[in-house]
């Protein structure tokens, strides 16, 4: 006689135990495959992440490390800033912009770095520079004071730097206690070049110190890597880097707008005089 509950469709307790063990073994095997798959895919994920990061760094935004005092107190040593590498494809470089530019074959580095002792160290430095962890030996960061066509001069009767005769009020970004410039200068910025200065004028090795170089201290505009627009590290100093109000003075903009007209008028005067002489001779 069959026991109660053990009909033809009823599974015996022993069989239930075997099925449970089989399911556990199967589940463990699947978990092992997933873990193994993850560790096999991890190197690929790392390579893809690095490739995307380098692509973004090359064409969109790049982090830079601040190695010197030349932009204090706006930027301090060990700050990290993000640099927009696209902005100058849609607008011109403007006065007041903080720009990072390459000094290769022109300016000497502000910070001397030891050469890597081996290829591994060189590779690590390259990665560190690319991601803003270590400074680039030939990269500089300064504030644009003069753009092509500007006449930049120091100083007026009150000791201020002037651009096209318009004095700049630099108290909002100049290092406390610094003069606008400890040396006098007067320069007209050539086409496709920029006059740049650090905010910590007394220690900044900027355009003023390169006036004996080709370009008279100005830098090529095509050497500009991008515009520094935000401090991202350390977190307690994170902030946007706007263009100071002194560079938005209407008189400053009007002076630049009038420059082409003045140049054109100056060029037209001798042509008109020559025409009159030719008419008289006839």
Protein backbone atom coordinates (compact mmCIF):
# COMPACT_ATOMS: atom_id res chain seq x y z
CA UNK A 1 0.00 0.00 0.00
CA UNK A 2 1.33 3.39 -0.89
CA UNK A 3 2.00 5.84 1.94
CA UNK A 4 -0.09 8.99 2.18
CA UNK A 5 1.36 11.82 -0.02
CA UNK A 6 3.49 9.51 -2.19
CA UNK A 7 1.36 9.25 -5.28
CA UNK A 8 2.76 8.86 -8.81
CA UNK A 9 3.37 12.64 -9.29
CA UNK A 10 4.93 13.21 -5.89
CA UNK A 11 8.74 13.75 -5.61
CA UNK A 12 10.50 11.99 -2.75
CA UNK A 13 12.49 14.02 -0.16
CA UNK A 14 15.78 12.49 -1.33
CA UNK A 15 15.11 13.63 -4.88
CA UNK A 16 14.30 17.14 -3.62
CA UNK A 17 17.67 17.38 -1.91
CA UNK A 18 19.51 16.30 -5.05
CA UNK A 19 17.70 18.91 -7.15
CA UNK A 20 18.52 21.71 -4.69
CA UNK A 21 22.21 20.80 -4.67
CA UNK A 22 22.26 20.69 -8.49
CA UNK A 23 20.66 24.14 -8.72
CA UNK A 24 23.21 25.57 -6.24
CA UNK A 25 26.11 24.12 -8.24
CA UNK A 26 24.67 25.54 -11.45
CA UNK A 27 24.18 28.99 -9.87
CA UNK A 28 27.75 29.01 -8.49
CA UNK A 29 29.10 28.07 -11.91
CA UNK A 30 27.18 30.94 -13.54
CA UNK A 31 28.43 33.38 -10.88
CA UNK A 32 31.99 32.20 -11.50
CA UNK A 33 31.60 32.77 -15.23
CA UNK A 34 30.29 36.31 -14.63
CA UNK A 35 33.20 37.14 -12.32
CA UNK A 36 35.70 35.71 -14.76
CA UNK A 37 34.08 37.64 -17.60
CA UNK A 38 34.30 40.90 -15.60
CA UNK A 39 38.03 40.48 -14.90
CA UNK A 40 38.68 39.63 -18.55
CA UNK A 41 36.76 42.74 -19.69
CA UNK A 42 38.27 45.10 -17.09
CA UNK A 43 41.51 45.82 -19.07
CA UNK A 44 39.41 46.59 -22.15
CA UNK A 45 37.21 48.96 -20.13
CA UNK A 46 40.29 50.73 -18.75
CA UNK A 47 41.79 51.14 -22.24
CA UNK A 48 38.50 52.49 -23.62
CA UNK A 49 38.14 54.90 -20.69
CA UNK A 50 41.71 56.20 -21.20
CA UNK A 51 41.13 56.55 -24.94
CA UNK A 52 37.95 58.57 -24.38
CA UNK A 53 39.65 60.71 -21.75
CA UNK A 54 42.56 61.45 -24.08
CA UNK A 55 40.15 62.24 -26.91
CA UNK A 56 38.29 64.72 -24.70
CA UNK A 57 41.59 66.14 -23.49
CA UNK A 58 42.87 66.62 -27.03
CA UNK A 59 39.86 68.40 -28.45
CA UNK A 60 37.44 69.60 -25.76
CA UNK A 61 38.61 70.17 -22.17
CA UNK A 62 41.95 69.59 -20.50
CA UNK A 63 43.06 69.87 -16.89
CA UNK A 64 46.21 71.85 -16.10
CA UNK A 65 48.35 71.99 -12.98
CA UNK A 66 49.49 75.41 -11.67
CA UNK A 67 53.22 75.14 -10.89
CA UNK A 68 54.24 78.74 -10.07
CA UNK A 69 53.27 81.92 -8.24
CA UNK A 70 52.86 84.03 -11.38
CA UNK A 71 49.03 84.11 -11.27
CA UNK A 72 48.52 84.54 -7.52
CA UNK A 73 46.09 85.21 -5.89
CA UNK A 74 43.80 84.25 -8.75
CA UNK A 75 45.54 80.88 -9.10
CA UNK A 76 47.73 79.28 -6.43
CA UNK A 77 50.47 76.68 -6.70
CA UNK A 78 48.94 73.16 -6.93
CA UNK A 79 45.57 74.44 -8.18
CA UNK A 80 44.05 72.49 -11.06
CA UNK A 81 42.10 74.34 -13.71
CA UNK A 82 40.00 73.17 -16.63
CA UNK A 83 40.83 74.67 -20.01
CA UNK A 84 38.22 75.03 -22.75
CA UNK A 85 39.90 74.09 -26.05
CA UNK A 86 36.85 74.76 -28.23
CA UNK A 87 35.96 78.32 -27.23
CA UNK A 88 38.36 80.04 -29.63
CA UNK A 89 36.87 78.18 -32.55
CA UNK A 90 33.64 80.15 -32.00
CA UNK A 91 34.98 83.50 -30.73
CA UNK A 92 38.18 85.53 -30.69
CA UNK A 93 40.56 85.66 -27.75
CA UNK A 94 39.47 88.54 -25.55
CA UNK A 95 41.27 90.86 -23.16
CA UNK A 96 41.00 89.54 -19.62
CA UNK A 97 40.91 85.88 -20.66
CA UNK A 98 43.21 83.58 -18.68
CA UNK A 99 44.88 81.45 -21.32
CA UNK A 100 47.18 78.45 -21.36
CA UNK A 101 49.69 78.52 -24.19
CA UNK A 102 52.71 76.59 -25.37
CA UNK A 103 56.12 78.21 -25.06
CA UNK A 104 57.94 75.62 -27.18
CA UNK A 105 60.81 77.23 -29.12
CA UNK A 106 60.10 80.61 -27.53
CA UNK A 107 59.91 81.21 -23.79
CA UNK A 108 62.07 79.36 -21.28
CA UNK A 109 60.13 77.26 -18.76
CA UNK A 110 59.16 79.02 -15.51
CA UNK A 111 59.61 75.78 -13.57
CA UNK A 112 62.61 73.54 -14.26
CA UNK A 113 61.76 69.84 -14.15
CA UNK A 114 64.22 66.96 -14.03
CA UNK A 115 64.34 64.74 -17.09
CA UNK A 116 62.71 61.31 -16.57
CA UNK A 117 65.29 58.66 -15.69
CA UNK A 118 63.68 55.89 -17.77
CA UNK A 119 60.90 55.28 -20.32
CA UNK A 120 58.42 54.25 -17.62
CA UNK A 121 58.95 57.52 -15.73
CA UNK A 122 58.63 59.44 -19.01
CA UNK A 123 55.34 57.70 -19.75
CA UNK A 124 53.99 58.42 -16.29
CA UNK A 125 54.96 62.08 -16.62
CA UNK A 126 53.21 62.27 -19.98
CA UNK A 127 50.04 60.81 -18.46
CA UNK A 128 50.31 63.10 -15.46
CA UNK A 129 50.67 66.16 -17.70
CA UNK A 130 47.79 65.04 -19.92
CA UNK A 131 45.43 64.77 -16.94
CA UNK A 132 46.66 67.82 -15.03
CA UNK A 133 48.39 65.92 -12.23
CA UNK A 134 51.87 67.33 -12.92
CA UNK A 135 52.89 70.59 -14.64
CA UNK A 136 53.80 70.79 -18.30
CA UNK A 137 57.34 72.12 -18.64
CA UNK A 138 56.57 74.29 -21.68
CA UNK A 139 53.00 75.30 -20.85
CA UNK A 140 52.26 78.76 -19.45
CA UNK A 141 49.18 80.38 -17.97
CA UNK A 142 48.74 84.18 -18.12
CA UNK A 143 46.07 86.84 -18.50
CA UNK A 144 45.55 88.47 -21.89
CA UNK A 145 46.01 92.24 -21.61
CA UNK A 146 46.35 93.23 -25.26
CA UNK A 147 44.95 91.73 -28.47
CA UNK A 148 46.10 92.45 -32.05
CA UNK A 149 46.15 96.18 -32.77
CA UNK A 150 46.11 97.24 -29.12
CA UNK A 151 48.58 99.81 -27.81
CA UNK A 152 49.54 98.63 -24.32
CA UNK A 153 51.48 101.05 -22.13
CA UNK A 154 52.70 101.49 -18.59
CA UNK A 155 52.22 103.59 -16.87
CA UNK A 156 49.91 106.60 -16.69
CA UNK A 157 50.19 109.34 -14.04
CA UNK A 158 48.44 107.10 -11.52
CA UNK A 159 50.68 104.12 -12.25
CA UNK A 160 48.07 102.17 -14.20
CA UNK A 161 48.47 100.02 -17.31
CA UNK A 162 46.58 101.51 -20.24
CA UNK A 163 45.19 99.84 -23.36
CA UNK A 164 44.54 102.20 -26.27
CA UNK A 165 44.79 105.06 -23.78
CA UNK A 166 42.14 103.58 -21.47
CA UNK A 167 43.43 102.86 -17.91
CA UNK A 168 42.76 99.44 -16.40
CA UNK A 169 41.48 99.10 -12.84
CA UNK A 170 43.20 95.85 -11.86
CA UNK A 171 42.53 95.74 -8.12
CA UNK A 172 40.08 92.84 -8.45
CA UNK A 173 42.76 90.40 -9.63
CA UNK A 174 46.17 91.99 -9.03
CA UNK A 175 48.25 90.40 -6.26
CA UNK A 176 47.82 92.45 -3.03
CA UNK A 177 50.58 95.03 -2.73
CA UNK A 178 51.82 94.64 -6.31
CA UNK A 179 52.12 97.56 -8.70
CA UNK A 180 50.56 97.12 -12.15
CA UNK A 181 54.14 97.00 -13.45
CA UNK A 182 57.56 97.59 -11.95
CA UNK A 183 58.94 98.59 -15.35
CA UNK A 184 57.77 100.95 -18.05
CA UNK A 185 56.87 99.69 -21.50
CA UNK A 186 54.94 100.68 -24.58
CA UNK A 187 54.03 98.22 -27.33
CA UNK A 188 51.59 97.90 -30.18
CA UNK A 189 50.45 94.29 -30.42
CA UNK A 190 51.19 92.90 -33.92
CA UNK A 191 48.61 90.94 -35.94
CA UNK A 192 47.97 87.38 -34.72
CA UNK A 193 49.79 87.98 -31.45
CA UNK A 194 48.90 88.72 -27.79
CA UNK A 195 50.35 90.68 -24.89
CA UNK A 196 50.04 88.61 -21.69
CA UNK A 197 50.83 89.29 -18.05
CA UNK A 198 50.60 87.40 -14.77
CA UNK A 199 48.41 88.65 -11.93
CA UNK A 200 51.38 88.49 -9.53
CA UNK A 201 53.33 91.13 -11.43
CA UNK A 202 56.38 91.27 -9.18
CA UNK A 203 57.29 87.61 -9.84
CA UNK A 204 55.66 86.91 -13.21
CA UNK A 205 58.00 86.18 -16.10
CA UNK A 206 55.58 87.48 -18.73
CA UNK A 207 55.56 89.60 -21.91
CA UNK A 208 57.44 92.43 -20.16
CA UNK A 209 60.45 90.19 -19.58
CA UNK A 210 60.53 88.98 -23.20
CA UNK A 211 60.55 92.31 -25.02
CA UNK A 212 63.99 91.53 -26.43
CA UNK A 213 62.72 88.31 -28.01
CA UNK A 214 61.20 88.02 -31.50
CA UNK A 215 57.70 89.44 -31.31
CA UNK A 216 58.70 92.06 -28.73
CA UNK A 217 57.31 90.06 -25.82
CA UNK A 218 54.04 89.11 -27.50
CA UNK A 219 53.06 85.49 -28.03
CA UNK A 220 51.60 83.87 -31.16
CA UNK A 221 47.83 83.52 -30.90
CA UNK A 222 48.03 80.09 -32.55
CA UNK A 223 50.08 78.82 -29.59
CA UNK A 224 47.12 79.31 -27.26
CA UNK A 225 45.81 75.93 -26.11
CA UNK A 226 42.61 77.25 -24.59
CA UNK A 227 40.91 79.40 -21.95
CA UNK A 228 41.07 78.49 -18.26
CA UNK A 229 37.48 78.86 -17.08
CA UNK A 230 37.21 77.10 -13.71
CA UNK A 231 39.30 75.93 -10.75
CA UNK A 232 38.38 72.33 -9.94
CA UNK A 233 40.95 71.45 -7.26
CA UNK A 234 41.23 71.83 -4.34
CA UNK A 235 37.48 71.71 -3.76
CA UNK A 236 37.52 74.57 -1.25
CA UNK A 237 38.85 76.86 -4.00
CA UNK A 238 36.54 75.68 -6.79
CA UNK A 239 35.19 78.67 -8.72
CA UNK A 240 34.53 80.12 -12.17
CA UNK A 241 37.20 82.39 -13.71
CA UNK A 242 35.29 85.27 -15.35
CA UNK A 243 36.64 88.19 -17.38
CA UNK A 244 37.15 91.13 -14.96
CA UNK A 245 34.82 94.10 -15.40
CA UNK A 246 37.65 96.51 -16.24
CA UNK A 247 37.99 94.82 -19.65
CA UNK A 248 34.33 95.49 -20.47
CA UNK A 249 34.70 99.29 -20.37
CA UNK A 250 32.81 100.84 -23.30
CA UNK A 251 35.70 103.24 -23.94
CA UNK A 252 38.06 100.29 -24.33
CA UNK A 253 35.82 98.61 -26.88
CA UNK A 254 35.25 101.89 -28.74
CA UNK A 255 38.98 102.49 -28.93
CA UNK A 256 39.53 99.13 -30.59
CA UNK A 257 36.61 99.68 -32.94
CA UNK A 258 38.03 103.03 -34.01
CA UNK A 259 41.51 101.63 -34.65
CA UNK A 260 40.80 100.25 -38.16
CA UNK A 261 39.12 103.53 -39.14
CA UNK A 262 42.07 105.59 -37.88
CA UNK A 263 44.54 103.32 -39.67
CA UNK A 264 42.49 103.53 -42.86
CA UNK A 265 42.27 107.33 -42.62
CA UNK A 266 46.02 107.59 -42.02
CA UNK A 267 46.65 105.46 -45.09
CA UNK A 268 44.20 107.44 -47.23
CA UNK A 269 45.77 110.88 -46.56
CA UNK A 270 49.00 110.29 -48.54
CA UNK A 271 47.02 108.67 -51.37
CA UNK A 272 44.75 111.73 -51.68
CA UNK A 273 47.77 114.06 -51.61
CA UNK A 274 49.47 112.02 -54.35
CA UNK A 275 46.32 112.16 -56.48
CA UNK A 276 46.15 115.95 -56.16
CA UNK A 277 49.76 116.30 -57.29
CA UNK A 278 49.13 114.15 -60.33
CA UNK A 279 46.05 116.22 -61.23
CA UNK A 280 47.99 119.49 -60.95
CA UNK A 281 50.78 118.20 -63.21
CA UNK A 282 48.25 117.35 -65.88
